Amino acid sequence: MFTPSEWRILVVLTALFLSGAAWHVVEANVPLPALSVQGSPLAWSDPSEPESPASGMDAHEGKSAKKESAHKRKPLLTGLVNPNKATLEQLQGLPGVGEKMAARIIEERANGPFKDLDDIQRVKGIGPKKAEKMRPWLRFD
């Protein structure tokens, strides 16, 4: 029926198939880490559905989730923010920007528009590190 070399090939292919099938079973039970961009976790939301209080939270937040439950959660950004035209609420959606920092950004833009990422560092409390965290969500036009 089969030659010895054909049997060897059949055994090797069967072993490879079974090991691959076993890997998929193991892989299915392994939780994947949350996606992040430059250290900020990504939260996916469907714009057609109302946001639930628990959306965007994952098991890794632990203590910060308890801390935030007492406070209003930051809204998820739905696009790029122009710091020259953004409202207080829109600015608060940026990483590392709270109510006071957003107010400082609005005050500082009265001294002239922000032209680039270096310009946003005119605001007290925004240094190079914070500016880099904000970079993916800022546009200057």
Protein backbone atom coordinates (compact mmCIF):
# COMPACT_ATOMS: atom_id res chain seq x y z
CA MET A 1 0.00 0.00 0.00
CA PHE A 2 2.47 2.73 1.19
CA THR A 3 6.25 2.58 1.03
CA PRO A 4 8.24 3.19 4.25
CA SER A 5 9.16 6.72 3.12
CA GLU A 6 5.49 7.51 2.33
CA TRP A 7 4.53 6.31 5.84
CA ARG A 8 7.15 8.61 7.35
CA ILE A 9 5.79 11.57 5.41
CA LEU A 10 2.23 10.68 6.42
CA VAL A 11 3.23 10.42 10.11
CA VAL A 12 5.11 13.72 10.01
CA LEU A 13 2.20 15.53 8.31
CA THR A 14 -0.28 14.06 10.79
CA ALA A 15 1.92 15.14 13.72
CA LEU A 16 2.20 18.65 12.28
CA PHE A 17 -1.56 18.83 11.77
CA LEU A 18 -2.30 17.67 15.32
CA SER A 19 0.25 20.03 16.86
CA GLY A 20 -1.26 22.93 14.89
CA ALA A 21 -4.77 21.99 16.01
CA ALA A 22 -3.59 21.73 19.61
CA TRP A 23 -1.96 25.16 19.34
CA HIS A 24 -5.23 26.74 18.20
CA VAL A 25 -7.00 25.27 21.22
CA VAL A 26 -4.34 26.67 23.55
CA GLU A 27 -4.24 30.00 21.72
CA ALA A 28 -8.01 30.42 22.03
CA ASN A 29 -7.74 30.39 25.84
CA VAL A 30 -4.91 32.93 26.07
CA PRO A 31 -6.15 36.47 26.80
CA LEU A 32 -4.59 39.06 24.52
CA PRO A 33 -3.13 42.28 25.95
CA ALA A 34 -5.00 45.53 25.33
CA LEU A 35 -3.93 47.58 22.32
CA SER A 36 -2.17 50.84 23.04
CA VAL A 37 -0.71 53.75 21.12
CA GLN A 38 2.36 55.31 22.69
CA GLY A 39 1.32 54.01 26.11
CA SER A 40 -2.29 55.19 25.92
CA PRO A 41 -4.85 52.36 25.81
CA LEU A 42 -7.16 52.26 22.82
CA ALA A 43 -10.87 51.91 23.41
CA TRP A 44 -13.07 50.92 20.51
CA SER A 45 -16.60 52.20 20.48
CA ASP A 46 -19.47 52.01 18.02
CA PRO A 47 -20.69 55.56 17.32
CA SER A 48 -24.22 54.26 16.67
CA GLU A 49 -24.50 52.80 20.19
CA PRO A 50 -24.71 54.92 23.35
CA GLU A 51 -21.62 54.61 25.49
CA SER A 52 -22.07 52.53 28.62
CA PRO A 53 -20.22 53.53 31.80
CA ALA A 54 -18.07 50.39 31.64
CA SER A 55 -17.03 50.71 27.99
CA GLY A 56 -13.35 51.22 27.35
CA MET A 57 -12.39 49.74 30.73
CA ASP A 58 -10.37 46.57 30.92
CA ALA A 59 -9.21 44.31 33.73
CA HIS A 60 -5.77 45.91 33.82
CA GLU A 61 -7.07 49.27 35.06
CA GLY A 62 -7.73 48.00 38.61
CA LYS A 63 -7.27 50.86 41.07
CA SER A 64 -7.67 53.58 38.44
CA ALA A 65 -11.11 52.18 37.53
CA LYS A 66 -12.28 52.59 41.14
CA LYS A 67 -10.81 56.08 41.28
CA GLU A 68 -12.51 57.09 38.02
CA SER A 69 -15.89 55.68 39.01
CA ALA A 70 -16.25 58.52 41.53
CA HIS A 71 -15.35 61.06 38.82
CA LYS A 72 -16.73 61.70 35.37
CA ARG A 73 -15.00 59.49 32.79
CA LYS A 74 -13.19 61.22 29.95
CA PRO A 75 -15.03 61.05 26.64
CA LEU A 76 -13.38 58.98 23.92
CA LEU A 77 -11.84 61.03 21.14
CA THR A 78 -13.56 60.57 17.81
CA GLY A 79 -11.03 62.41 15.67
CA LEU A 80 -8.19 64.89 15.70
CA VAL A 81 -8.38 67.95 17.92
CA ASN A 82 -7.28 71.40 16.80
CA PRO A 83 -6.10 73.15 20.01
CA ASN A 84 -6.73 76.53 18.36
CA LYS A 85 -10.48 75.87 17.97
CA ALA A 86 -11.33 73.07 20.41
CA THR A 87 -13.78 73.48 23.26
CA LEU A 88 -12.89 72.85 26.89
CA GLU A 89 -14.55 69.40 26.72
CA GLN A 90 -12.72 68.43 23.51
CA LEU A 91 -9.37 69.42 25.01
CA GLN A 92 -10.12 67.35 28.11
CA GLY A 93 -10.35 64.29 25.85
CA LEU A 94 -6.62 64.56 25.13
CA PRO A 95 -4.31 62.28 27.15
CA GLY A 96 -2.99 64.02 30.27
CA VAL A 97 -5.32 67.01 29.92
CA GLY A 98 -7.81 67.74 32.68
CA GLU A 99 -10.10 70.69 33.23
CA LYS A 100 -7.36 73.04 34.49
CA MET A 101 -4.92 72.13 31.71
CA ALA A 102 -7.64 72.60 29.08
CA ALA A 103 -8.42 76.04 30.53
CA ARG A 104 -4.70 76.93 30.36
CA ILE A 105 -4.60 75.88 26.68
CA ILE A 106 -7.58 78.13 25.92
CA GLU A 107 -5.94 81.04 27.80
CA GLU A 108 -2.61 80.57 26.01
CA ARG A 109 -4.12 80.44 22.52
CA ALA A 110 -5.33 84.02 23.10
CA ASN A 111 -1.61 84.97 22.90
CA GLY A 112 -1.42 83.54 19.38
CA PRO A 113 -2.35 80.34 17.59
CA PHE A 114 -0.46 77.09 18.13
CA LYS A 115 1.37 76.31 14.90
CA ASP A 116 2.92 72.96 15.80
CA LEU A 117 3.67 70.52 18.61
CA ASP A 118 6.51 72.69 19.92
CA ASP A 119 4.13 75.64 20.16
CA ILE A 120 1.72 73.76 22.45
CA GLN A 121 4.57 73.55 24.98
CA ARG A 122 4.05 77.27 25.69
CA VAL A 123 1.25 76.12 28.01
CA LYS A 124 2.37 75.74 31.61
CA GLY A 125 2.44 72.04 32.49
CA ILE A 126 2.93 70.74 28.95
CA GLY A 127 6.46 69.57 28.38
CA PRO A 128 8.01 67.41 25.65
CA LYS A 129 6.74 64.12 27.15
CA LYS A 130 3.13 65.26 27.51
CA ALA A 131 3.24 66.85 24.05
CA GLU A 132 4.41 63.53 22.57
CA LYS A 133 1.51 61.71 24.24
CA MET A 134 -0.88 64.24 22.70
CA ARG A 135 0.71 64.14 19.21
CA PRO A 136 -1.52 61.42 17.66
CA TRP A 137 -4.68 63.40 18.54
CA LEU A 138 -3.60 66.93 17.57
CA ARG A 139 -3.86 68.75 14.27
CA PHE A 140 -2.72 72.28 13.60
CA ASP A 141 -4.40 74.14 10.75
